[in-house]
């Protein structure tokens, strides 16, 4: 089984499930997301925080790989959440990520193989995206569009208003050498079109994953983020041209190192699909 850090780097679909509903855990896992995220934060009411934490620990102890979204550092539940995850290998999603130093301190407490996904969902977090991406132990950035939109007084579905924050996360990830970031959730469940549109836009901006809030969203996101056949043909041709000629020209385009790296990333995505259960 791959490590939590490896799963975090490669995952496209991240499916949230409330931590206080353990009866839904198996259903969420059966939807085959790349990462199932047990949510101890927004989806769990205050009186049920302890129950959610216990259910998450039981699931992890049974050998199920998962991410855990802990409560934010400034809450009364954060310390107990960290005490639970530090004894178990998992992906730790930290909401309201704003301070690189506190993230680095947290990573020193985690079990071997564990890692952090910094969920950026505030204006301060966006402004500090590069330092958060470069913090030791952070394997990926994720975008919390709904909280940020509320802070800015705009709609989370407004592509124009959310364009700069999204781009900031993509650039910060590239500077730090991380895998491309994970886009925020689409709250529309009655119609698949908005999810497809959001995912396609995120992919054009440089995202390579998306947070999901319902199992039915998983296959749609997987399809939307999968390389198309024409992209695979192009990638194979680029890699083949580079292998035989070094720097070459393919269909009028120079094939140099950045082009080859993009082609290899596309082929890696294809292999990931083929290896999925």
C-alpha atoms as a PDB file:
ATOM      1  CA  UNK A   1       0.000   0.000   0.000  1.00  0.00           C
ATOM      2  CA  UNK A   2       1.298   3.461  -0.857  1.00  0.00           C
ATOM      3  CA  UNK A   3       2.085   5.911   1.924  1.00  0.00           C
ATOM      4  CA  UNK A   4      -0.251   8.719   2.911  1.00  0.00           C
ATOM      5  CA  UNK A   5       2.124  11.203   1.299  1.00  0.00           C
ATOM      6  CA  UNK A   6       2.091   9.317  -2.001  1.00  0.00           C
ATOM      7  CA  UNK A   7      -1.702   9.142  -1.989  1.00  0.00           C
ATOM      8  CA  UNK A   8      -1.906  12.868  -1.286  1.00  0.00           C
ATOM      9  CA  UNK A   9       0.351  13.694  -4.225  1.00  0.00           C
ATOM     10  CA  UNK A  10      -1.517  11.548  -6.758  1.00  0.00           C
ATOM     11  CA  UNK A  11      -5.160  11.957  -5.684  1.00  0.00           C
ATOM     12  CA  UNK A  12      -7.714  13.653  -7.911  1.00  0.00           C
ATOM     13  CA  UNK A  13     -10.952  12.915  -6.042  1.00  0.00           C
ATOM     14  CA  UNK A  14     -11.274  13.739  -2.333  1.00  0.00           C
ATOM     15  CA  UNK A  15     -14.638  12.699  -0.879  1.00  0.00           C
ATOM     16  CA  UNK A  16     -15.779  14.190   2.425  1.00  0.00           C
ATOM     17  CA  UNK A  17     -17.828  12.128   4.861  1.00  0.00           C
ATOM     18  CA  UNK A  18     -18.992  13.473   8.264  1.00  0.00           C
ATOM     19  CA  UNK A  19     -16.996  11.919  11.069  1.00  0.00           C
ATOM     20  CA  UNK A  20     -20.058  11.382  13.256  1.00  0.00           C
ATOM     21  CA  UNK A  21     -21.732   9.157  10.641  1.00  0.00           C
ATOM     22  CA  UNK A  22     -19.578   6.008  10.657  1.00  0.00           C
ATOM     23  CA  UNK A  23     -22.419   4.130   8.981  1.00  0.00           C
ATOM     24  CA  UNK A  24     -21.564   6.116   5.825  1.00  0.00           C
ATOM     25  CA  UNK A  25     -17.839   5.377   5.851  1.00  0.00           C
ATOM     26  CA  UNK A  26     -18.110   2.112   3.926  1.00  0.00           C
ATOM     27  CA  UNK A  27     -20.434   3.702   1.365  1.00  0.00           C
ATOM     28  CA  UNK A  28     -17.973   6.547   0.848  1.00  0.00           C
ATOM     29  CA  UNK A  29     -15.098   4.093   0.430  1.00  0.00           C
ATOM     30  CA  UNK A  30     -17.168   2.042  -2.032  1.00  0.00           C
ATOM     31  CA  UNK A  31     -17.507   5.137  -4.237  1.00  0.00           C
ATOM     32  CA  UNK A  32     -13.770   4.663  -4.927  1.00  0.00           C
ATOM     33  CA  UNK A  33     -12.500   8.190  -4.343  1.00  0.00           C
ATOM     34  CA  UNK A  34      -8.738   8.518  -4.489  1.00  0.00           C
ATOM     35  CA  UNK A  35      -8.930   9.794  -0.908  1.00  0.00           C
ATOM     36  CA  UNK A  36     -11.802   9.538   1.547  1.00  0.00           C
ATOM     37  CA  UNK A  37     -11.767  12.505   3.947  1.00  0.00           C
ATOM     38  CA  UNK A  38     -13.272  11.964   7.387  1.00  0.00           C
ATOM     39  CA  UNK A  39     -14.463  15.409   8.420  1.00  0.00           C
ATOM     40  CA  UNK A  40     -14.196  16.380  12.075  1.00  0.00           C
ATOM     41  CA  UNK A  41     -14.777  20.062  11.372  1.00  0.00           C
ATOM     42  CA  UNK A  42     -17.676  21.776   9.565  1.00  0.00           C
ATOM     43  CA  UNK A  43     -19.809  18.674   9.068  1.00  0.00           C
ATOM     44  CA  UNK A  44     -19.867  17.814  12.795  1.00  0.00           C
ATOM     45  CA  UNK A  45     -21.875  19.684  15.429  1.00  0.00           C
ATOM     46  CA  UNK A  46     -20.074  20.629  18.642  1.00  0.00           C
ATOM     47  CA  UNK A  47     -21.749  18.011  20.879  1.00  0.00           C
ATOM     48  CA  UNK A  48     -20.621  15.225  18.519  1.00  0.00           C
ATOM     49  CA  UNK A  49     -16.950  16.157  18.081  1.00  0.00           C
ATOM     50  CA  UNK A  50     -15.758  13.425  20.464  1.00  0.00           C
ATOM     51  CA  UNK A  51     -17.884  10.761  18.754  1.00  0.00           C
ATOM     52  CA  UNK A  52     -16.574  11.806  15.353  1.00  0.00           C
ATOM     53  CA  UNK A  53     -12.964  11.627  16.530  1.00  0.00           C
ATOM     54  CA  UNK A  54     -13.485   8.165  18.010  1.00  0.00           C
ATOM     55  CA  UNK A  55     -15.141   6.905  14.817  1.00  0.00           C
ATOM     56  CA  UNK A  56     -12.254   8.213  12.719  1.00  0.00           C
ATOM     57  CA  UNK A  57      -9.715   6.482  14.966  1.00  0.00           C
ATOM     58  CA  UNK A  58     -11.624   3.194  14.755  1.00  0.00           C
ATOM     59  CA  UNK A  59     -11.762   3.390  10.948  1.00  0.00           C
ATOM     60  CA  UNK A  60      -8.035   4.083  10.651  1.00  0.00           C
ATOM     61  CA  UNK A  61      -7.176   1.352  13.158  1.00  0.00           C
ATOM     62  CA  UNK A  62      -9.122  -1.129  11.016  1.00  0.00           C
ATOM     63  CA  UNK A  63      -6.623  -0.521   8.229  1.00  0.00           C
ATOM     64  CA  UNK A  64      -8.653   1.809   6.026  1.00  0.00           C
ATOM     65  CA  UNK A  65      -6.586   4.580   4.408  1.00  0.00           C
ATOM     66  CA  UNK A  66      -8.140   8.006   4.816  1.00  0.00           C
ATOM     67  CA  UNK A  67      -7.519  11.659   5.315  1.00  0.00           C
ATOM     68  CA  UNK A  68      -8.810  13.420   8.410  1.00  0.00           C
ATOM     69  CA  UNK A  69      -9.882  17.043   8.342  1.00  0.00           C
ATOM     70  CA  UNK A  70      -9.143  18.195  11.853  1.00  0.00           C
ATOM     71  CA  UNK A  71     -10.624  21.227  13.550  1.00  0.00           C
ATOM     72  CA  UNK A  72      -8.746  24.526  13.088  1.00  0.00           C
ATOM     73  CA  UNK A  73      -5.789  25.341  15.369  1.00  0.00           C
ATOM     74  CA  UNK A  74      -7.678  28.087  17.226  1.00  0.00           C
ATOM     75  CA  UNK A  75     -10.500  25.770  18.397  1.00  0.00           C
ATOM     76  CA  UNK A  76     -10.872  23.798  21.593  1.00  0.00           C
ATOM     77  CA  UNK A  77     -11.000  20.489  19.680  1.00  0.00           C
ATOM     78  CA  UNK A  78      -7.778  20.858  17.697  1.00  0.00           C
ATOM     79  CA  UNK A  79      -5.382  19.468  20.313  1.00  0.00           C
ATOM     80  CA  UNK A  80      -7.445  16.297  20.817  1.00  0.00           C
ATOM     81  CA  UNK A  81      -7.752  15.851  17.054  1.00  0.00           C
ATOM     82  CA  UNK A  82      -3.976  16.062  16.669  1.00  0.00           C
ATOM     83  CA  UNK A  83      -3.452  13.682  19.565  1.00  0.00           C
ATOM     84  CA  UNK A  84      -5.575  11.150  17.691  1.00  0.00           C
ATOM     85  CA  UNK A  85      -4.020  11.495  14.239  1.00  0.00           C
ATOM     86  CA  UNK A  86      -0.417  11.662  15.475  1.00  0.00           C
ATOM     87  CA  UNK A  87      -0.590   7.978  16.464  1.00  0.00           C
ATOM     88  CA  UNK A  88      -1.876   6.865  13.057  1.00  0.00           C
ATOM     89  CA  UNK A  89      -0.552   7.193   9.528  1.00  0.00           C
ATOM     90  CA  UNK A  90      -2.941   9.379   7.552  1.00  0.00           C
ATOM     91  CA  UNK A  91      -3.305  12.542   5.553  1.00  0.00           C
ATOM     92  CA  UNK A  92      -4.088  15.422   7.901  1.00  0.00           C
ATOM     93  CA  UNK A  93      -6.116  18.192   6.284  1.00  0.00           C
ATOM     94  CA  UNK A  94      -5.696  21.424   8.203  1.00  0.00           C
ATOM     95  CA  UNK A  95      -8.509  23.954   7.650  1.00  0.00           C
ATOM     96  CA  UNK A  96      -8.030  27.716   7.807  1.00  0.00           C
ATOM     97  CA  UNK A  97      -4.311  27.236   7.125  1.00  0.00           C
ATOM     98  CA  UNK A  98      -2.568  30.578   7.517  1.00  0.00           C
ATOM     99  CA  UNK A  99       0.678  30.084   9.431  1.00  0.00           C
ATOM    100  CA  UNK A 100       3.575  28.057   8.007  1.00  0.00           C
ATOM    101  CA  UNK A 101       5.375  27.841  11.346  1.00  0.00           C
ATOM    102  CA  UNK A 102       2.419  26.192  13.081  1.00  0.00           C
ATOM    103  CA  UNK A 103       2.057  23.746  10.168  1.00  0.00           C
ATOM    104  CA  UNK A 104       5.736  22.808  10.444  1.00  0.00           C
ATOM    105  CA  UNK A 105       5.381  22.303  14.193  1.00  0.00           C
ATOM    106  CA  UNK A 106       2.377  20.064  13.584  1.00  0.00           C
ATOM    107  CA  UNK A 107       4.249  17.896  11.072  1.00  0.00           C
ATOM    108  CA  UNK A 108       6.912  17.083  13.678  1.00  0.00           C
ATOM    109  CA  UNK A 109       4.185  15.396  15.733  1.00  0.00           C
ATOM    110  CA  UNK A 110       2.765  13.168  13.007  1.00  0.00           C
ATOM    111  CA  UNK A 111       3.366   9.465  12.530  1.00  0.00           C
ATOM    112  CA  UNK A 112       5.914   8.349   9.913  1.00  0.00           C
ATOM    113  CA  UNK A 113       4.371   8.364   6.453  1.00  0.00           C
ATOM    114  CA  UNK A 114       1.762  10.962   7.397  1.00  0.00           C
ATOM    115  CA  UNK A 115       1.559  14.365   5.751  1.00  0.00           C
ATOM    116  CA  UNK A 116      -0.403  17.600   5.722  1.00  0.00           C
ATOM    117  CA  UNK A 117      -2.765  19.035   3.154  1.00  0.00           C
ATOM    118  CA  UNK A 118      -3.096  22.754   3.833  1.00  0.00           C
ATOM    119  CA  UNK A 119      -6.687  23.836   3.195  1.00  0.00           C
ATOM    120  CA  UNK A 120      -6.519  27.514   2.242  1.00  0.00           C
ATOM    121  CA  UNK A 121      -9.854  29.242   2.737  1.00  0.00           C
ATOM    122  CA  UNK A 122      -9.128  32.748   4.035  1.00  0.00           C
ATOM    123  CA  UNK A 123      -7.693  35.908   2.524  1.00  0.00           C
ATOM    124  CA  UNK A 124      -4.701  35.651   4.834  1.00  0.00           C
ATOM    125  CA  UNK A 125      -4.147  32.063   3.755  1.00  0.00           C
ATOM    126  CA  UNK A 126      -4.219  33.026   0.070  1.00  0.00           C
ATOM    127  CA  UNK A 127      -1.728  35.826   0.694  1.00  0.00           C
ATOM    128  CA  UNK A 128       0.586  33.334   2.408  1.00  0.00           C
ATOM    129  CA  UNK A 129       0.046  30.451  -0.007  1.00  0.00           C
ATOM    130  CA  UNK A 130       3.694  30.246  -1.067  1.00  0.00           C
ATOM    131  CA  UNK A 131       5.050  29.999   2.488  1.00  0.00           C
ATOM    132  CA  UNK A 132       2.404  27.403   3.348  1.00  0.00           C
ATOM    133  CA  UNK A 133       3.297  25.361   0.266  1.00  0.00           C
ATOM    134  CA  UNK A 134       6.969  25.435   1.213  1.00  0.00           C
ATOM    135  CA  UNK A 135       6.382  24.364   4.829  1.00  0.00           C
ATOM    136  CA  UNK A 136       7.961  21.011   5.637  1.00  0.00           C
ATOM    137  CA  UNK A 137       5.476  18.145   5.698  1.00  0.00           C
ATOM    138  CA  UNK A 138       2.966  19.843   3.392  1.00  0.00           C
ATOM    139  CA  UNK A 139       2.319  17.615   0.381  1.00  0.00           C
ATOM    140  CA  UNK A 140      -0.534  19.524  -1.235  1.00  0.00           C
ATOM    141  CA  UNK A 141      -2.621  22.680  -1.096  1.00  0.00           C
ATOM    142  CA  UNK A 142      -6.426  22.605  -1.278  1.00  0.00           C
ATOM    143  CA  UNK A 143      -8.842  25.445  -1.925  1.00  0.00           C
ATOM    144  CA  UNK A 144     -11.685  26.261   0.462  1.00  0.00           C
ATOM    145  CA  UNK A 145     -13.788  28.393  -1.844  1.00  0.00           C
ATOM    146  CA  UNK A 146     -16.946  28.717   0.266  1.00  0.00           C
ATOM    147  CA  UNK A 147     -15.292  30.163   3.375  1.00  0.00           C
ATOM    148  CA  UNK A 148     -13.156  32.520   1.313  1.00  0.00           C
ATOM    149  CA  UNK A 149     -16.150  33.673  -0.726  1.00  0.00           C
ATOM    150  CA  UNK A 150     -18.070  34.431   2.473  1.00  0.00           C
ATOM    151  CA  UNK A 151     -15.155  36.480   3.787  1.00  0.00           C
ATOM    152  CA  UNK A 152     -14.848  38.406   0.517  1.00  0.00           C
ATOM    153  CA  UNK A 153     -18.595  38.901   0.111  1.00  0.00           C
ATOM    154  CA  UNK A 154     -18.787  37.142  -3.251  1.00  0.00           C
ATOM    155  CA  UNK A 155     -20.364  33.944  -4.572  1.00  0.00           C
ATOM    156  CA  UNK A 156     -18.200  30.821  -4.418  1.00  0.00           C
ATOM    157  CA  UNK A 157     -19.531  29.903  -7.858  1.00  0.00           C
ATOM    158  CA  UNK A 158     -18.331  33.203  -9.367  1.00  0.00           C
ATOM    159  CA  UNK A 159     -15.413  32.112 -11.556  1.00  0.00           C
ATOM    160  CA  UNK A 160     -14.154  35.671 -11.994  1.00  0.00           C
ATOM    161  CA  UNK A 161     -14.090  36.437  -8.269  1.00  0.00           C
ATOM    162  CA  UNK A 162     -12.353  33.137  -7.500  1.00  0.00           C
ATOM    163  CA  UNK A 163      -9.840  33.312 -10.362  1.00  0.00           C
ATOM    164  CA  UNK A 164      -7.052  35.081  -8.476  1.00  0.00           C
ATOM    165  CA  UNK A 165      -7.173  32.850  -5.358  1.00  0.00           C
ATOM    166  CA  UNK A 166      -7.153  29.748  -7.526  1.00  0.00           C
ATOM    167  CA  UNK A 167      -4.198  31.001  -9.545  1.00  0.00           C
ATOM    168  CA  UNK A 168      -2.353  31.928  -6.352  1.00  0.00           C
ATOM    169  CA  UNK A 169      -2.570  28.315  -5.150  1.00  0.00           C
ATOM    170  CA  UNK A 170      -1.427  26.945  -8.503  1.00  0.00           C
ATOM    171  CA  UNK A 171       1.594  29.247  -8.606  1.00  0.00           C
ATOM    172  CA  UNK A 172       2.488  28.605  -4.959  1.00  0.00           C
ATOM    173  CA  UNK A 173       2.372  24.845  -5.530  1.00  0.00           C
ATOM    174  CA  UNK A 174       4.633  25.148  -8.560  1.00  0.00           C
ATOM    175  CA  UNK A 175       7.143  27.323  -6.692  1.00  0.00           C
ATOM    176  CA  UNK A 176       7.313  24.779  -3.861  1.00  0.00           C
ATOM    177  CA  UNK A 177       7.529  21.803  -6.210  1.00  0.00           C
ATOM    178  CA  UNK A 178       4.264  20.318  -4.952  1.00  0.00           C
ATOM    179  CA  UNK A 179       1.693  18.437  -6.988  1.00  0.00           C
ATOM    180  CA  UNK A 180      -0.943  20.786  -8.455  1.00  0.00           C
ATOM    181  CA  UNK A 181      -3.531  21.853  -5.866  1.00  0.00           C
ATOM    182  CA  UNK A 182      -7.006  20.481  -5.155  1.00  0.00           C
ATOM    183  CA  UNK A 183      -9.998  22.641  -6.079  1.00  0.00           C
ATOM    184  CA  UNK A 184     -12.860  23.379  -3.695  1.00  0.00           C
ATOM    185  CA  UNK A 185     -16.250  21.713  -3.534  1.00  0.00           C
ATOM    186  CA  UNK A 186     -19.179  22.293  -5.863  1.00  0.00           C
ATOM    187  CA  UNK A 187     -22.310  22.688  -3.782  1.00  0.00           C
ATOM    188  CA  UNK A 188     -24.740  21.953  -6.631  1.00  0.00           C
ATOM    189  CA  UNK A 189     -26.006  18.377  -6.336  1.00  0.00           C
ATOM    190  CA  UNK A 190     -29.194  18.523  -8.401  1.00  0.00           C
ATOM    191  CA  UNK A 191     -27.407  19.255 -11.684  1.00  0.00           C
ATOM    192  CA  UNK A 192     -24.088  17.787 -12.878  1.00  0.00           C
ATOM    193  CA  UNK A 193     -23.341  20.616 -15.313  1.00  0.00           C
ATOM    194  CA  UNK A 194     -21.951  23.093 -12.747  1.00  0.00           C
ATOM    195  CA  UNK A 195     -19.602  20.421 -11.380  1.00  0.00           C
ATOM    196  CA  UNK A 196     -18.307  19.626 -14.856  1.00  0.00           C
ATOM    197  CA  UNK A 197     -17.845  23.322 -15.615  1.00  0.00           C
ATOM    198  CA  UNK A 198     -16.037  24.024 -12.336  1.00  0.00           C
ATOM    199  CA  UNK A 199     -13.753  21.024 -12.726  1.00  0.00           C
ATOM    200  CA  UNK A 200     -12.917  21.895 -16.328  1.00  0.00           C
ATOM    201  CA  UNK A 201     -12.104  25.480 -15.322  1.00  0.00           C
ATOM    202  CA  UNK A 202      -9.942  24.303 -12.428  1.00  0.00           C
ATOM    203  CA  UNK A 203      -8.054  21.964 -14.749  1.00  0.00           C
ATOM    204  CA  UNK A 204      -7.394  24.792 -17.212  1.00  0.00           C
ATOM    205  CA  UNK A 205      -5.983  26.887 -14.382  1.00  0.00           C
ATOM    206  CA  UNK A 206      -3.633  24.089 -13.324  1.00  0.00           C
ATOM    207  CA  UNK A 207      -5.506  22.161 -10.613  1.00  0.00           C
ATOM    208  CA  UNK A 208      -5.301  18.378 -10.591  1.00  0.00           C
ATOM    209  CA  UNK A 209      -7.859  17.407  -7.956  1.00  0.00           C
ATOM    210  CA  UNK A 210     -11.225  18.397  -6.508  1.00  0.00           C
ATOM    211  CA  UNK A 211     -12.996  18.098  -3.179  1.00  0.00           C
ATOM    212  CA  UNK A 212     -16.307  16.208  -3.386  1.00  0.00           C
ATOM    213  CA  UNK A 213     -19.270  16.198  -1.008  1.00  0.00           C
ATOM    214  CA  UNK A 214     -21.308  13.329  -2.480  1.00  0.00           C
ATOM    215  CA  UNK A 215     -20.331   9.928  -3.911  1.00  0.00           C
ATOM    216  CA  UNK A 216     -22.075  10.708  -7.212  1.00  0.00           C
ATOM    217  CA  UNK A 217     -19.567  13.525  -7.806  1.00  0.00           C
ATOM    218  CA  UNK A 218     -16.565  11.173  -7.769  1.00  0.00           C
ATOM    219  CA  UNK A 219     -16.902   9.609 -11.251  1.00  0.00           C
ATOM    220  CA  UNK A 220     -17.751  12.991 -12.787  1.00  0.00           C
ATOM    221  CA  UNK A 221     -14.596  14.589 -11.373  1.00  0.00           C
ATOM    222  CA  UNK A 222     -12.499  11.576 -12.343  1.00  0.00           C
ATOM    223  CA  UNK A 223     -13.732  11.799 -15.922  1.00  0.00           C
ATOM    224  CA  UNK A 224     -13.272  15.568 -16.066  1.00  0.00           C
ATOM    225  CA  UNK A 225      -9.696  15.402 -14.795  1.00  0.00           C
ATOM    226  CA  UNK A 226      -8.663  12.383 -16.864  1.00  0.00           C
ATOM    227  CA  UNK A 227      -6.496  12.913 -19.943  1.00  0.00           C
ATOM    228  CA  UNK A 228      -8.458  12.801 -23.185  1.00  0.00           C
ATOM    229  CA  UNK A 229      -7.376  10.369 -25.895  1.00  0.00           C
ATOM    230  CA  UNK A 230      -5.900  13.153 -28.012  1.00  0.00           C
ATOM    231  CA  UNK A 231      -3.851  14.302 -25.006  1.00  0.00           C
ATOM    232  CA  UNK A 232      -2.529  10.781 -24.469  1.00  0.00           C
ATOM    233  CA  UNK A 233      -1.585  10.461 -28.133  1.00  0.00           C
ATOM    234  CA  UNK A 234       0.218  13.797 -27.972  1.00  0.00           C
ATOM    235  CA  UNK A 235       2.034  12.860 -24.755  1.00  0.00           C
ATOM    236  CA  UNK A 236       3.220   9.526 -26.142  1.00  0.00           C
ATOM    237  CA  UNK A 237       4.465  11.227 -29.305  1.00  0.00           C
ATOM    238  CA  UNK A 238       6.344  13.872 -27.301  1.00  0.00           C
ATOM    239  CA  UNK A 239       8.066  11.339 -25.059  1.00  0.00           C
ATOM    240  CA  UNK A 240       8.942   9.197 -28.056  1.00  0.00           C
ATOM    241  CA  UNK A 241      10.372  12.193 -29.944  1.00  0.00           C
ATOM    242  CA  UNK A 242      12.459  13.240 -26.947  1.00  0.00           C
ATOM    243  CA  UNK A 243      13.727   9.691 -26.446  1.00  0.00           C
ATOM    244  CA  UNK A 244      14.976   9.452 -29.999  1.00  0.00           C
ATOM    245  CA  UNK A 245      16.048  13.002 -30.802  1.00  0.00           C
ATOM    246  CA  UNK A 246      16.596  14.900 -27.553  1.00  0.00           C
ATOM    247  CA  UNK A 247      15.325  18.385 -28.361  1.00  0.00           C
ATOM    248  CA  UNK A 248      13.036  17.965 -31.366  1.00  0.00           C
ATOM    249  CA  UNK A 249      10.109  19.509 -33.205  1.00  0.00           C
ATOM    250  CA  UNK A 250       6.712  17.809 -33.216  1.00  0.00           C
ATOM    251  CA  UNK A 251       3.869  19.225 -35.315  1.00  0.00           C
ATOM    252  CA  UNK A 252       5.631  22.567 -35.379  1.00  0.00           C
ATOM    253  CA  UNK A 253       6.163  22.705 -31.599  1.00  0.00           C
ATOM    254  CA  UNK A 254       9.593  22.549 -30.024  1.00  0.00           C
ATOM    255  CA  UNK A 255       9.905  19.545 -27.715  1.00  0.00           C
ATOM    256  CA  UNK A 256      12.126  20.662 -24.846  1.00  0.00           C
ATOM    257  CA  UNK A 257      12.294  19.739 -21.177  1.00  0.00           C
ATOM    258  CA  UNK A 258       9.142  21.577 -19.934  1.00  0.00           C
ATOM    259  CA  UNK A 259       7.075  20.089 -22.761  1.00  0.00           C
ATOM    260  CA  UNK A 260       8.393  16.604 -21.996  1.00  0.00           C
ATOM    261  CA  UNK A 261       7.627  17.015 -18.287  1.00  0.00           C
ATOM    262  CA  UNK A 262       4.021  17.968 -19.089  1.00  0.00           C
ATOM    263  CA  UNK A 263       3.716  14.948 -21.382  1.00  0.00           C
ATOM    264  CA  UNK A 264       5.060  12.620 -18.707  1.00  0.00           C
ATOM    265  CA  UNK A 265       2.609  14.039 -16.153  1.00  0.00           C
ATOM    266  CA  UNK A 266      -0.271  13.215 -18.516  1.00  0.00           C
ATOM    267  CA  UNK A 267       1.020   9.659 -18.938  1.00  0.00           C
ATOM    268  CA  UNK A 268       1.388   9.253 -15.172  1.00  0.00           C
ATOM    269  CA  UNK A 269      -2.276  10.196 -14.762  1.00  0.00           C
ATOM    270  CA  UNK A 270      -3.195   7.521 -17.288  1.00  0.00           C
ATOM    271  CA  UNK A 271      -1.182   4.899 -15.421  1.00  0.00           C
ATOM    272  CA  UNK A 272      -2.821   5.911 -12.145  1.00  0.00           C
ATOM    273  CA  UNK A 273      -6.240   5.212 -13.687  1.00  0.00           C
ATOM    274  CA  UNK A 274      -5.142   1.829 -14.934  1.00  0.00           C
ATOM    275  CA  UNK A 275      -3.786   0.854 -11.503  1.00  0.00           C
ATOM    276  CA  UNK A 276      -6.959   1.912  -9.655  1.00  0.00           C
ATOM    277  CA  UNK A 277      -9.148  -0.920  -8.334  1.00  0.00           C
END
